[in-house]
Amino acid sequence: MISDDLKVRVKKIRLVIVDNDGVMTDGRIIYGDYGDELKFFDVQDGFGLTLLKRAGYKTVMISGKKSRINKRRANELQFCEIHQNAFDKLKVFEKVVKKFKLQPDEVCYIGDDLIDLPPMTRSGFSVAVANAVEDVKAAAHYVTSRGGGHGAVREVADILLKIQGQWTEVTTRYFR
């Protein structure tokens, strides 16, 4: 259930910033014998981000870790930007907000761990995934019912599109 206060916040959102590990993925990183790295992404999260792009939202990934897989996924989903090795996520958040000529209250930030707290506290709609650490959940405006890498980003995308009245416009082709 989304409160009226949350609806007011959500209606302002124009930019969605996601953490990667623990939000776009379930947080597991698997290393193979040959130095390869594997991560698990949820296809529904990806489609939710595609729907947001269709509706005109900007999307950005900010990750504390650098990985070719992060870049590949961001490229596949046509993120506007990807920032890796971002140890000061608030600094990156502020640069992104300025670059897109937005205000912090026009940003939805989705995180799962302590490194995400600074930008979450500045964003207009801060979201913690269900498997986030307790301090992040406590600071969030909304906690998803789904975990990171298991549809949490899609849950947020659906909320944004429905509350902003864009759901029908971006999904009509699927209900024929």
C-alpha atoms as a PDB file:
ATOM      1  CA  MET A   1       0.000   0.000   0.000  1.00  0.00           C
ATOM      2  CA  ILE A   2       1.402   3.364  -1.037  1.00  0.00           C
ATOM      3  CA  SER A   3       0.555   6.283   1.257  1.00  0.00           C
ATOM      4  CA  ASP A   4      -0.587   9.651  -0.074  1.00  0.00           C
ATOM      5  CA  ASP A   5       2.733  11.161   1.043  1.00  0.00           C
ATOM      6  CA  LEU A   6       4.617   8.573  -1.005  1.00  0.00           C
ATOM      7  CA  LYS A   7       2.403   9.234  -4.029  1.00  0.00           C
ATOM      8  CA  VAL A   8       3.361  12.915  -3.861  1.00  0.00           C
ATOM      9  CA  ARG A   9       7.041  11.944  -3.811  1.00  0.00           C
ATOM     10  CA  VAL A  10       6.669   9.427  -6.648  1.00  0.00           C
ATOM     11  CA  LYS A  11       4.867  11.901  -8.928  1.00  0.00           C
ATOM     12  CA  LYS A  12       8.003  14.086  -9.030  1.00  0.00           C
ATOM     13  CA  ILE A  13      10.417  11.336 -10.148  1.00  0.00           C
ATOM     14  CA  ARG A  14      12.223  11.762 -13.509  1.00  0.00           C
ATOM     15  CA  LEU A  15      15.453   9.836 -12.868  1.00  0.00           C
ATOM     16  CA  VAL A  16      15.986   6.351 -11.418  1.00  0.00           C
ATOM     17  CA  ILE A  17      19.404   5.506  -9.997  1.00  0.00           C
ATOM     18  CA  VAL A  18      20.147   1.908  -9.080  1.00  0.00           C
ATOM     19  CA  ASP A  19      22.979   0.258  -7.240  1.00  0.00           C
ATOM     20  CA  ASN A  20      24.077  -2.911  -8.997  1.00  0.00           C
ATOM     21  CA  ASP A  21      25.272  -5.648  -6.613  1.00  0.00           C
ATOM     22  CA  GLY A  22      22.436  -6.476  -4.257  1.00  0.00           C
ATOM     23  CA  VAL A  23      19.848  -4.470  -6.228  1.00  0.00           C
ATOM     24  CA  MET A  24      20.156  -5.438  -9.888  1.00  0.00           C
ATOM     25  CA  THR A  25      21.633  -8.748  -8.699  1.00  0.00           C
ATOM     26  CA  ASP A  26      21.001 -10.907  -5.654  1.00  0.00           C
ATOM     27  CA  GLY A  27      24.389  -9.829  -4.330  1.00  0.00           C
ATOM     28  CA  ARG A  28      26.224 -13.051  -5.084  1.00  0.00           C
ATOM     29  CA  ILE A  29      29.405 -12.911  -7.134  1.00  0.00           C
ATOM     30  CA  ILE A  30      30.731 -16.181  -8.481  1.00  0.00           C
ATOM     31  CA  TYR A  31      34.353 -16.471  -9.621  1.00  0.00           C
ATOM     32  CA  GLY A  32      35.342 -19.159 -12.096  1.00  0.00           C
ATOM     33  CA  ASP A  33      38.690 -20.921 -12.373  1.00  0.00           C
ATOM     34  CA  TYR A  34      39.685 -18.784 -15.353  1.00  0.00           C
ATOM     35  CA  GLY A  35      39.117 -15.419 -13.710  1.00  0.00           C
ATOM     36  CA  ASP A  36      35.612 -14.964 -15.031  1.00  0.00           C
ATOM     37  CA  GLU A  37      32.963 -13.384 -12.842  1.00  0.00           C
ATOM     38  CA  LEU A  38      29.305 -14.380 -12.883  1.00  0.00           C
ATOM     39  CA  LYS A  39      26.310 -12.436 -11.583  1.00  0.00           C
ATOM     40  CA  PHE A  40      22.607 -13.192 -11.739  1.00  0.00           C
ATOM     41  CA  PHE A  41      20.254 -10.543 -13.132  1.00  0.00           C
ATOM     42  CA  ASP A  42      16.462 -10.706 -13.196  1.00  0.00           C
ATOM     43  CA  VAL A  43      14.874 -10.347 -16.629  1.00  0.00           C
ATOM     44  CA  GLN A  44      11.776  -8.704 -15.134  1.00  0.00           C
ATOM     45  CA  ASP A  45      13.945  -5.997 -13.585  1.00  0.00           C
ATOM     46  CA  GLY A  46      15.431  -5.393 -17.020  1.00  0.00           C
ATOM     47  CA  PHE A  47      12.018  -5.146 -18.643  1.00  0.00           C
ATOM     48  CA  GLY A  48      10.861  -2.752 -15.920  1.00  0.00           C
ATOM     49  CA  LEU A  49      13.801  -0.485 -16.745  1.00  0.00           C
ATOM     50  CA  THR A  50      12.914  -0.755 -20.445  1.00  0.00           C
ATOM     51  CA  LEU A  51       9.365   0.377 -19.650  1.00  0.00           C
ATOM     52  CA  LEU A  52      10.746   3.317 -17.667  1.00  0.00           C
ATOM     53  CA  LYS A  53      12.938   4.334 -20.623  1.00  0.00           C
ATOM     54  CA  ARG A  54       9.881   4.151 -22.893  1.00  0.00           C
ATOM     55  CA  ALA A  55       8.057   6.486 -20.533  1.00  0.00           C
ATOM     56  CA  GLY A  56      10.896   9.013 -20.698  1.00  0.00           C
ATOM     57  CA  TYR A  57      12.701   8.335 -17.440  1.00  0.00           C
ATOM     58  CA  LYS A  58      16.463   8.577 -17.289  1.00  0.00           C
ATOM     59  CA  THR A  59      18.253   5.621 -15.701  1.00  0.00           C
ATOM     60  CA  VAL A  60      21.711   5.507 -14.144  1.00  0.00           C
ATOM     61  CA  MET A  61      23.690   2.718 -12.481  1.00  0.00           C
ATOM     62  CA  ILE A  62      26.109   3.542  -9.669  1.00  0.00           C
ATOM     63  CA  SER A  63      28.232   0.652  -8.434  1.00  0.00           C
ATOM     64  CA  GLY A  64      30.922   0.513  -5.792  1.00  0.00           C
ATOM     65  CA  LYS A  65      32.545  -2.294  -7.772  1.00  0.00           C
ATOM     66  CA  LYS A  66      33.978  -2.267 -11.272  1.00  0.00           C
ATOM     67  CA  SER A  67      33.012  -5.142 -13.513  1.00  0.00           C
ATOM     68  CA  ARG A  68      32.695  -5.811 -17.236  1.00  0.00           C
ATOM     69  CA  ILE A  69      29.407  -7.525 -16.431  1.00  0.00           C
ATOM     70  CA  ASN A  70      28.017  -4.332 -14.887  1.00  0.00           C
ATOM     71  CA  LYS A  71      28.937  -2.398 -18.032  1.00  0.00           C
ATOM     72  CA  ARG A  72      27.453  -5.061 -20.278  1.00  0.00           C
ATOM     73  CA  ARG A  73      24.145  -5.082 -18.391  1.00  0.00           C
ATOM     74  CA  ALA A  74      23.999  -1.283 -18.328  1.00  0.00           C
ATOM     75  CA  ASN A  75      24.611  -1.169 -22.080  1.00  0.00           C
ATOM     76  CA  GLU A  76      21.973  -3.833 -22.774  1.00  0.00           C
ATOM     77  CA  LEU A  77      19.414  -1.849 -20.804  1.00  0.00           C
ATOM     78  CA  GLN A  78      20.501   1.471 -22.341  1.00  0.00           C
ATOM     79  CA  PHE A  79      21.269   3.210 -19.067  1.00  0.00           C
ATOM     80  CA  CYS A  80      22.066   6.869 -19.629  1.00  0.00           C
ATOM     81  CA  GLU A  81      25.214   6.442 -17.550  1.00  0.00           C
ATOM     82  CA  ILE A  82      27.094   3.887 -15.502  1.00  0.00           C
ATOM     83  CA  HIS A  83      29.507   4.841 -12.732  1.00  0.00           C
ATOM     84  CA  GLN A  84      31.758   2.124 -11.316  1.00  0.00           C
ATOM     85  CA  ASN A  85      34.257   2.100  -8.442  1.00  0.00           C
ATOM     86  CA  ALA A  86      32.010   4.751  -6.917  1.00  0.00           C
ATOM     87  CA  PHE A  87      33.057   4.759  -3.290  1.00  0.00           C
ATOM     88  CA  ASP A  88      31.507   8.176  -2.677  1.00  0.00           C
ATOM     89  CA  LYS A  89      28.079   7.608  -4.152  1.00  0.00           C
ATOM     90  CA  LEU A  90      26.748  10.940  -2.927  1.00  0.00           C
ATOM     91  CA  LYS A  91      29.371  12.789  -4.982  1.00  0.00           C
ATOM     92  CA  VAL A  92      28.345  10.824  -8.087  1.00  0.00           C
ATOM     93  CA  PHE A  93      24.649  11.352  -7.271  1.00  0.00           C
ATOM     94  CA  GLU A  94      25.144  15.122  -7.076  1.00  0.00           C
ATOM     95  CA  LYS A  95      27.060  15.190 -10.394  1.00  0.00           C
ATOM     96  CA  VAL A  96      24.338  13.194 -12.129  1.00  0.00           C
ATOM     97  CA  VAL A  97      21.533  15.366 -10.745  1.00  0.00           C
ATOM     98  CA  LYS A  98      23.355  18.496 -11.880  1.00  0.00           C
ATOM     99  CA  LYS A  99      24.166  17.071 -15.317  1.00  0.00           C
ATOM    100  CA  PHE A 100      20.519  16.222 -16.003  1.00  0.00           C
ATOM    101  CA  LYS A 101      19.389  19.581 -14.592  1.00  0.00           C
ATOM    102  CA  LEU A 102      17.166  17.988 -11.982  1.00  0.00           C
ATOM    103  CA  GLN A 103      16.513  18.488  -8.301  1.00  0.00           C
ATOM    104  CA  PRO A 104      17.236  15.705  -5.774  1.00  0.00           C
ATOM    105  CA  ASP A 105      13.497  15.315  -5.131  1.00  0.00           C
ATOM    106  CA  GLU A 106      13.106  14.214  -8.779  1.00  0.00           C
ATOM    107  CA  VAL A 107      15.334  11.186  -8.187  1.00  0.00           C
ATOM    108  CA  CYS A 108      14.446   7.669  -7.102  1.00  0.00           C
ATOM    109  CA  TYR A 109      17.456   5.873  -5.639  1.00  0.00           C
ATOM    110  CA  ILE A 110      17.347   2.109  -5.067  1.00  0.00           C
ATOM    111  CA  GLY A 111      19.952   0.650  -2.708  1.00  0.00           C
ATOM    112  CA  ASP A 112      20.725  -2.189  -0.351  1.00  0.00           C
ATOM    113  CA  ASP A 113      23.776  -1.398   1.796  1.00  0.00           C
ATOM    114  CA  LEU A 114      25.399   1.327   3.874  1.00  0.00           C
ATOM    115  CA  ILE A 115      27.308   2.819   0.923  1.00  0.00           C
ATOM    116  CA  ASP A 116      23.881   3.721  -0.548  1.00  0.00           C
ATOM    117  CA  LEU A 117      22.672   5.695   2.479  1.00  0.00           C
ATOM    118  CA  PRO A 118      24.108   9.123   1.543  1.00  0.00           C
ATOM    119  CA  PRO A 119      22.371   9.354  -1.864  1.00  0.00           C
ATOM    120  CA  MET A 120      19.238   7.717  -0.477  1.00  0.00           C
ATOM    121  CA  THR A 121      18.890  10.440   2.143  1.00  0.00           C
ATOM    122  CA  ARG A 122      19.118  13.107  -0.604  1.00  0.00           C
ATOM    123  CA  SER A 123      16.712  11.534  -3.081  1.00  0.00           C
ATOM    124  CA  GLY A 124      13.026  12.304  -3.340  1.00  0.00           C
ATOM    125  CA  PHE A 125      12.019   8.642  -3.304  1.00  0.00           C
ATOM    126  CA  SER A 126      14.511   6.325  -1.623  1.00  0.00           C
ATOM    127  CA  VAL A 127      13.935   2.608  -1.933  1.00  0.00           C
ATOM    128  CA  ALA A 128      15.522  -0.313  -0.094  1.00  0.00           C
ATOM    129  CA  VAL A 129      15.208  -3.796  -1.545  1.00  0.00           C
ATOM    130  CA  ALA A 130      13.734  -6.462   0.737  1.00  0.00           C
ATOM    131  CA  ASN A 131      17.136  -8.011   1.466  1.00  0.00           C
ATOM    132  CA  ALA A 132      18.808  -4.680   2.283  1.00  0.00           C
ATOM    133  CA  VAL A 133      20.594  -4.227   5.585  1.00  0.00           C
ATOM    134  CA  GLU A 134      18.381  -2.956   8.408  1.00  0.00           C
ATOM    135  CA  ASP A 135      19.848   0.570   8.533  1.00  0.00           C
ATOM    136  CA  VAL A 136      19.070   1.043   4.844  1.00  0.00           C
ATOM    137  CA  LYS A 137      15.525  -0.237   5.269  1.00  0.00           C
ATOM    138  CA  ALA A 138      15.031   2.145   8.188  1.00  0.00           C
ATOM    139  CA  ALA A 139      16.182   5.127   6.087  1.00  0.00           C
ATOM    140  CA  ALA A 140      14.103   4.276   3.005  1.00  0.00           C
ATOM    141  CA  HIS A 141      10.789   5.817   2.027  1.00  0.00           C
ATOM    142  CA  TYR A 142       9.773   2.416   0.653  1.00  0.00           C
ATOM    143  CA  VAL A 143      10.975  -1.172   1.113  1.00  0.00           C
ATOM    144  CA  THR A 144      10.203  -3.573  -1.719  1.00  0.00           C
ATOM    145  CA  SER A 145       8.499  -6.896  -1.136  1.00  0.00           C
ATOM    146  CA  ARG A 146      10.959  -8.506  -3.558  1.00  0.00           C
ATOM    147  CA  GLY A 147      14.677  -8.916  -3.018  1.00  0.00           C
ATOM    148  CA  GLY A 148      17.525  -7.543  -5.081  1.00  0.00           C
ATOM    149  CA  GLY A 149      17.999  -9.529  -8.259  1.00  0.00           C
ATOM    150  CA  HIS A 150      14.523 -11.000  -7.811  1.00  0.00           C
ATOM    151  CA  GLY A 151      12.206  -8.353  -9.215  1.00  0.00           C
ATOM    152  CA  ALA A 152      12.685  -5.472  -6.773  1.00  0.00           C
ATOM    153  CA  VAL A 153      13.585  -2.998  -9.527  1.00  0.00           C
ATOM    154  CA  ARG A 154      10.550  -4.101 -11.550  1.00  0.00           C
ATOM    155  CA  GLU A 155       8.360  -3.548  -8.492  1.00  0.00           C
ATOM    156  CA  VAL A 156       9.614   0.036  -8.267  1.00  0.00           C
ATOM    157  CA  ALA A 157       9.225   0.594 -12.026  1.00  0.00           C
ATOM    158  CA  ASP A 158       5.601  -0.554 -11.879  1.00  0.00           C
ATOM    159  CA  ILE A 159       4.889   1.765  -8.934  1.00  0.00           C
ATOM    160  CA  LEU A 160       6.400   4.766 -10.728  1.00  0.00           C
ATOM    161  CA  LEU A 161       4.553   4.107 -13.980  1.00  0.00           C
ATOM    162  CA  LYS A 162       1.198   3.458 -12.332  1.00  0.00           C
ATOM    163  CA  ILE A 163       1.266   6.391  -9.908  1.00  0.00           C
ATOM    164  CA  GLN A 164       2.429   8.777 -12.638  1.00  0.00           C
ATOM    165  CA  GLY A 165      -0.343   7.537 -14.935  1.00  0.00           C
ATOM    166  CA  GLN A 166       2.010   6.135 -17.601  1.00  0.00           C
ATOM    167  CA  TRP A 167       1.360   2.420 -17.150  1.00  0.00           C
ATOM    168  CA  THR A 168      -1.354   2.081 -19.816  1.00  0.00           C
ATOM    169  CA  GLU A 169       0.600   4.121 -22.357  1.00  0.00           C
ATOM    170  CA  VAL A 170       3.769   2.010 -22.120  1.00  0.00           C
ATOM    171  CA  THR A 171       2.079  -1.389 -21.813  1.00  0.00           C
ATOM    172  CA  THR A 172      -0.920  -1.147 -24.174  1.00  0.00           C
ATOM    173  CA  ARG A 173       0.794  -3.182 -26.903  1.00  0.00           C
ATOM    174  CA  TYR A 174       0.912  -6.204 -24.585  1.00  0.00           C
ATOM    175  CA  PHE A 175      -2.809  -6.256 -23.766  1.00  0.00           C
ATOM    176  CA  ARG A 176      -4.264  -6.584 -27.272  1.00  0.00           C
END
